[in-house]
């Protein structure tokens, strides 16, 4: 929950100061793949990357496939 509060703070800072480079760097640092901002309500949803390659299915390892 604390992470969402921090990301919300960075989002507001980027909107008010037009500091998009810092905002993008913070999203990458916290492994956020996508964010959705609902203009009418001010709510935000963040999609976090599960693994280094981003979102998606993991490929089975070669050893697991050969069994």
N, C-alpha and C. Protein backbone atom coordinates (compact mmCIF):
# COMPACT_ATOMS: atom_id res chain seq x y z
N UNK A 1 0.82 -1.19 0.00
CA UNK A 1 0.00 0.00 0.00
C UNK A 1 0.86 1.26 0.00
N UNK A 2 1.97 1.21 0.73
CA UNK A 2 2.86 2.36 0.79
C UNK A 2 3.40 2.70 -0.60
N UNK A 3 3.69 1.68 -1.39
CA UNK A 3 4.19 1.90 -2.74
C UNK A 3 3.18 2.67 -3.58
N UNK A 4 1.91 2.33 -3.46
CA UNK A 4 0.87 3.03 -4.23
C UNK A 4 0.78 4.49 -3.82
N UNK A 5 0.95 4.77 -2.54
CA UNK A 5 0.93 6.15 -2.06
C UNK A 5 2.11 6.92 -2.65
N UNK A 6 3.28 6.29 -2.64
CA UNK A 6 4.47 6.95 -3.21
C UNK A 6 4.32 7.19 -4.70
N UNK A 7 3.79 6.19 -5.42
CA UNK A 7 3.59 6.37 -6.85
C UNK A 7 2.55 7.46 -7.13
N UNK A 8 1.52 7.52 -6.30
CA UNK A 8 0.53 8.58 -6.44
C UNK A 8 1.16 9.95 -6.24
N UNK A 9 2.08 10.05 -5.27
CA UNK A 9 2.79 11.31 -5.04
C UNK A 9 3.61 11.69 -6.27
N UNK A 10 4.33 10.73 -6.84
CA UNK A 10 5.13 11.01 -8.03
C UNK A 10 4.24 11.42 -9.20
N UNK A 11 3.07 10.81 -9.31
CA UNK A 11 2.14 11.14 -10.39
C UNK A 11 1.68 12.58 -10.25
N UNK A 12 1.29 12.98 -9.06
CA UNK A 12 0.84 14.36 -8.84
C UNK A 12 1.97 15.35 -9.08
N UNK A 13 3.18 14.99 -8.68
CA UNK A 13 4.33 15.86 -8.90
C UNK A 13 4.60 16.02 -10.39
N UNK A 14 4.49 14.94 -11.14
CA UNK A 14 4.71 15.01 -12.59
C UNK A 14 3.65 15.88 -13.26
N UNK A 15 2.42 15.78 -12.79
CA UNK A 15 1.34 16.58 -13.37
C UNK A 15 1.51 18.06 -13.05
N UNK A 16 1.89 18.38 -11.82
CA UNK A 16 1.99 19.79 -11.42
C UNK A 16 3.27 20.45 -11.91
N UNK A 17 4.38 19.72 -11.91
CA UNK A 17 5.67 20.30 -12.29
C UNK A 17 6.10 19.94 -13.70
N UNK A 18 5.31 19.13 -14.41
CA UNK A 18 5.66 18.65 -15.74
C UNK A 18 7.02 17.96 -15.74
N UNK A 19 7.31 17.23 -14.67
CA UNK A 19 8.59 16.52 -14.52
C UNK A 19 8.39 15.06 -14.93
N UNK A 20 8.17 14.84 -16.21
CA UNK A 20 7.83 13.51 -16.70
C UNK A 20 9.03 12.56 -16.70
N UNK A 21 10.23 13.09 -16.84
CA UNK A 21 11.42 12.23 -16.85
C UNK A 21 11.60 11.55 -15.49
N UNK A 22 11.46 12.31 -14.42
CA UNK A 22 11.58 11.73 -13.07
C UNK A 22 10.47 10.73 -12.82
N UNK A 23 9.25 11.07 -13.26
CA UNK A 23 8.11 10.17 -13.09
C UNK A 23 8.35 8.86 -13.81
N UNK A 24 8.82 8.91 -15.06
CA UNK A 24 9.09 7.70 -15.83
C UNK A 24 10.19 6.87 -15.17
N UNK A 25 11.22 7.52 -14.66
CA UNK A 25 12.30 6.80 -13.97
C UNK A 25 11.79 6.10 -12.71
N UNK A 26 10.92 6.75 -11.96
CA UNK A 26 10.37 6.12 -10.75
C UNK A 26 9.48 4.94 -11.11
N UNK A 27 8.71 5.05 -12.18
CA UNK A 27 7.89 3.92 -12.62
C UNK A 27 8.77 2.73 -12.97
N UNK A 28 9.85 2.98 -13.70
CA UNK A 28 10.77 1.89 -14.08
C UNK A 28 11.44 1.29 -12.84
N UNK A 29 11.84 2.15 -11.93
CA UNK A 29 12.54 1.68 -10.72
C UNK A 29 11.65 0.78 -9.88
N UNK A 30 10.36 1.06 -9.85
CA UNK A 30 9.42 0.25 -9.08
C UNK A 30 8.77 -0.84 -9.93
N UNK A 31 9.30 -1.05 -11.14
CA UNK A 31 8.85 -2.12 -12.04
C UNK A 31 7.36 -2.02 -12.39
N UNK A 32 6.92 -0.78 -12.65
CA UNK A 32 5.54 -0.56 -13.10
C UNK A 32 5.53 -0.67 -14.62
N UNK A 33 4.71 -1.57 -15.13
CA UNK A 33 4.63 -1.76 -16.57
C UNK A 33 3.69 -0.75 -17.22
N UNK A 34 2.56 -0.53 -16.57
CA UNK A 34 1.54 0.38 -17.10
C UNK A 34 0.87 1.08 -15.94
N UNK A 35 0.34 2.26 -16.22
CA UNK A 35 -0.53 2.90 -15.23
C UNK A 35 -1.75 3.44 -15.96
N UNK A 36 -2.85 3.49 -15.24
CA UNK A 36 -4.11 4.00 -15.79
C UNK A 36 -4.58 5.10 -14.85
N UNK A 37 -4.83 6.27 -15.40
CA UNK A 37 -5.32 7.39 -14.61
C UNK A 37 -6.73 7.72 -15.06
N UNK A 38 -7.66 7.66 -14.14
CA UNK A 38 -9.06 7.97 -14.43
C UNK A 38 -9.28 9.46 -14.15
N UNK A 39 -9.39 10.25 -15.21
CA UNK A 39 -9.47 11.70 -15.09
C UNK A 39 -10.68 12.13 -14.26
N UNK A 40 -11.82 11.51 -14.50
CA UNK A 40 -13.05 11.96 -13.83
C UNK A 40 -13.02 11.74 -12.32
N UNK A 41 -12.34 10.71 -11.85
CA UNK A 41 -12.32 10.41 -10.42
C UNK A 41 -10.98 10.71 -9.75
N UNK A 42 -9.91 10.79 -10.54
CA UNK A 42 -8.58 11.00 -9.98
C UNK A 42 -7.95 9.72 -9.46
N UNK A 43 -8.61 8.58 -9.67
CA UNK A 43 -8.06 7.30 -9.24
C UNK A 43 -6.98 6.82 -10.20
N UNK A 44 -6.05 6.03 -9.66
CA UNK A 44 -4.97 5.47 -10.46
C UNK A 44 -4.89 3.98 -10.24
N UNK A 45 -4.59 3.24 -11.28
CA UNK A 45 -4.30 1.81 -11.18
C UNK A 45 -2.92 1.59 -11.77
N UNK A 46 -2.11 0.79 -11.08
CA UNK A 46 -0.77 0.48 -11.55
C UNK A 46 -0.67 -1.01 -11.82
N UNK A 47 -0.05 -1.39 -12.93
CA UNK A 47 0.19 -2.79 -13.27
C UNK A 47 1.67 -3.03 -13.07
N UNK A 48 1.99 -3.91 -12.13
CA UNK A 48 3.38 -4.19 -11.80
C UNK A 48 3.88 -5.37 -12.62
N UNK A 49 5.13 -5.29 -13.05
CA UNK A 49 5.75 -6.39 -13.78
C UNK A 49 6.03 -7.52 -12.82
N UNK A 50 5.73 -8.74 -13.23
CA UNK A 50 5.97 -9.91 -12.38
C UNK A 50 7.39 -10.43 -12.51
N UNK A 51 7.99 -10.18 -13.66
CA UNK A 51 9.34 -10.69 -13.88
C UNK A 51 10.11 -9.69 -14.72
N UNK A 52 11.37 -9.93 -14.91
CA UNK A 52 12.24 -8.98 -15.58
C UNK A 52 11.77 -8.64 -16.99
N UNK A 53 11.28 -9.60 -17.72
CA UNK A 53 10.87 -9.38 -19.10
C UNK A 53 9.55 -8.66 -19.24
N UNK A 54 8.92 -8.27 -18.15
CA UNK A 54 7.63 -7.60 -18.22
C UNK A 54 6.51 -8.59 -18.00
N UNK A 55 5.36 -8.25 -18.50
CA UNK A 55 4.19 -9.10 -18.31
C UNK A 55 4.20 -10.23 -19.33
N UNK A 56 3.53 -11.29 -19.01
CA UNK A 56 3.43 -12.40 -19.95
C UNK A 56 3.67 -13.73 -19.26
N UNK A 57 3.52 -14.78 -20.03
CA UNK A 57 3.70 -16.12 -19.48
C UNK A 57 5.18 -16.47 -19.43
N UNK A 58 5.54 -17.22 -18.42
CA UNK A 58 6.91 -17.73 -18.34
C UNK A 58 7.06 -18.92 -19.25
N UNK A 59 8.17 -19.00 -19.92
CA UNK A 59 8.46 -20.16 -20.75
C UNK A 59 9.02 -21.27 -19.88
N UNK A 60 8.65 -22.51 -20.13
CA UNK A 60 9.23 -23.62 -19.35
C UNK A 60 10.72 -23.76 -19.67
N UNK A 61 11.47 -24.18 -18.68
CA UNK A 61 12.90 -24.38 -18.89
C UNK A 61 13.14 -25.58 -19.79
N UNK A 62 14.30 -25.62 -20.42
CA UNK A 62 14.64 -26.71 -21.34
C UNK A 62 14.61 -28.06 -20.62
N UNK A 63 15.11 -28.10 -19.38
CA UNK A 63 15.13 -29.36 -18.63
C UNK A 63 13.71 -29.85 -18.34
N UNK A 64 12.83 -28.93 -18.06
CA UNK A 64 11.45 -29.32 -17.76
C UNK A 64 10.74 -29.81 -19.02
N UNK A 65 11.09 -29.27 -20.17
CA UNK A 65 10.45 -29.67 -21.42
C UNK A 65 10.90 -31.05 -21.89
N UNK A 66 12.13 -31.44 -21.53
CA UNK A 66 12.66 -32.70 -22.04
C UNK A 66 12.13 -33.92 -21.28
N UNK A 67 11.44 -33.70 -20.18
CA UNK A 67 10.94 -34.83 -19.37
C UNK A 67 9.74 -35.46 -19.98
